[in-house]
Amino acid sequence: MTKKFLIRRYYCKPEEMEVDMNDLYNEGYYPKEIKLDDYQDIVDATVIYELEGDSNA
């Protein structure tokens, strides 16, 4: 069964978050809500992703 929503916590360099977000986008997940903070060169974020389209879940 495919999940309709995913919640991801990030505490990493922006480039690592970008790679993960692009991977999820390629799987059909779109960010629904983003809470983003930064600490020096690290991103501290929570992202809720929603699977778009007909997932047949």
C-alpha atoms as a PDB file:
ATOM      1  CA  MET A   1       0.000   0.000   0.000  1.00  0.00           C
ATOM      2  CA  THR A   2       1.348   3.414  -0.972  1.00  0.00           C
ATOM      3  CA  LYS A   3       1.283   6.128   1.668  1.00  0.00           C
ATOM      4  CA  LYS A   4      -0.670   9.276   0.792  1.00  0.00           C
ATOM      5  CA  PHE A   5       1.363  11.476   3.175  1.00  0.00           C
ATOM      6  CA  LEU A   6       4.963  11.415   4.382  1.00  0.00           C
ATOM      7  CA  ILE A   7       6.499  13.532   7.131  1.00  0.00           C
ATOM      8  CA  ARG A   8      10.240  14.060   6.929  1.00  0.00           C
ATOM      9  CA  ARG A   9      12.528  15.736   9.447  1.00  0.00           C
ATOM     10  CA  TYR A  10      15.744  17.210   8.133  1.00  0.00           C
ATOM     11  CA  TYR A  11      18.836  18.361   9.992  1.00  0.00           C
ATOM     12  CA  CYS A  12      21.458  18.430   7.284  1.00  0.00           C
ATOM     13  CA  LYS A  13      23.219  20.507   4.661  1.00  0.00           C
ATOM     14  CA  PRO A  14      20.850  22.127   2.141  1.00  0.00           C
ATOM     15  CA  GLU A  15      22.269  20.017  -0.707  1.00  0.00           C
ATOM     16  CA  GLU A  16      21.309  16.776   1.083  1.00  0.00           C
ATOM     17  CA  MET A  17      17.755  18.022   1.632  1.00  0.00           C
ATOM     18  CA  GLU A  18      17.548  19.041  -2.030  1.00  0.00           C
ATOM     19  CA  VAL A  19      18.512  15.542  -3.188  1.00  0.00           C
ATOM     20  CA  ASP A  20      15.898  13.895  -0.946  1.00  0.00           C
ATOM     21  CA  MET A  21      13.182  16.357  -1.998  1.00  0.00           C
ATOM     22  CA  ASN A  22      13.947  15.740  -5.684  1.00  0.00           C
ATOM     23  CA  ASP A  23      13.853  11.956  -5.153  1.00  0.00           C
ATOM     24  CA  LEU A  24      10.438  12.217  -3.496  1.00  0.00           C
ATOM     25  CA  TYR A  25       9.204  14.527  -6.274  1.00  0.00           C
ATOM     26  CA  ASN A  26      10.202  11.880  -8.831  1.00  0.00           C
ATOM     27  CA  GLU A  27       8.090   9.369  -6.852  1.00  0.00           C
ATOM     28  CA  GLY A  28       5.051  11.692  -7.107  1.00  0.00           C
ATOM     29  CA  TYR A  29       5.256  13.410  -3.705  1.00  0.00           C
ATOM     30  CA  TYR A  30       4.851  17.170  -3.480  1.00  0.00           C
ATOM     31  CA  PRO A  31       5.599  19.329  -0.428  1.00  0.00           C
ATOM     32  CA  LYS A  32       2.317  20.295   1.202  1.00  0.00           C
ATOM     33  CA  GLU A  33       3.769  22.187   4.154  1.00  0.00           C
ATOM     34  CA  ILE A  34       7.328  23.222   5.012  1.00  0.00           C
ATOM     35  CA  LYS A  35       8.657  24.534   8.323  1.00  0.00           C
ATOM     36  CA  LEU A  36      12.197  25.710   7.709  1.00  0.00           C
ATOM     37  CA  ASP A  37      14.894  27.130   9.980  1.00  0.00           C
ATOM     38  CA  ASP A  38      18.611  27.389   9.573  1.00  0.00           C
ATOM     39  CA  TYR A  39      21.550  27.071  11.892  1.00  0.00           C
ATOM     40  CA  GLN A  40      24.858  28.219  10.456  1.00  0.00           C
ATOM     41  CA  ASP A  41      25.195  26.023   7.326  1.00  0.00           C
ATOM     42  CA  ILE A  42      22.632  23.403   8.433  1.00  0.00           C
ATOM     43  CA  VAL A  43      18.927  23.236   7.532  1.00  0.00           C
ATOM     44  CA  ASP A  44      16.513  22.305  10.315  1.00  0.00           C
ATOM     45  CA  ALA A  45      13.197  21.512   8.674  1.00  0.00           C
ATOM     46  CA  THR A  46      10.004  19.518   8.798  1.00  0.00           C
ATOM     47  CA  VAL A  47       8.263  18.803   5.501  1.00  0.00           C
ATOM     48  CA  ILE A  48       4.887  17.167   4.935  1.00  0.00           C
ATOM     49  CA  TYR A  49       4.665  15.571   1.496  1.00  0.00           C
ATOM     50  CA  GLU A  50       1.460  14.525  -0.259  1.00  0.00           C
ATOM     51  CA  LEU A  51       1.251  11.933  -3.009  1.00  0.00           C
ATOM     52  CA  GLU A  52      -0.392  13.614  -5.981  1.00  0.00           C
ATOM     53  CA  GLY A  53      -2.582  11.882  -8.530  1.00  0.00           C
ATOM     54  CA  ASP A  54      -4.279   8.488  -8.421  1.00  0.00           C
ATOM     55  CA  SER A  55      -2.185   6.266  -6.167  1.00  0.00           C
ATOM     56  CA  ASN A  56      -4.698   3.387  -6.049  1.00  0.00           C
ATOM     57  CA  ALA A  57      -3.906   3.088  -2.327  1.00  0.00           C
END
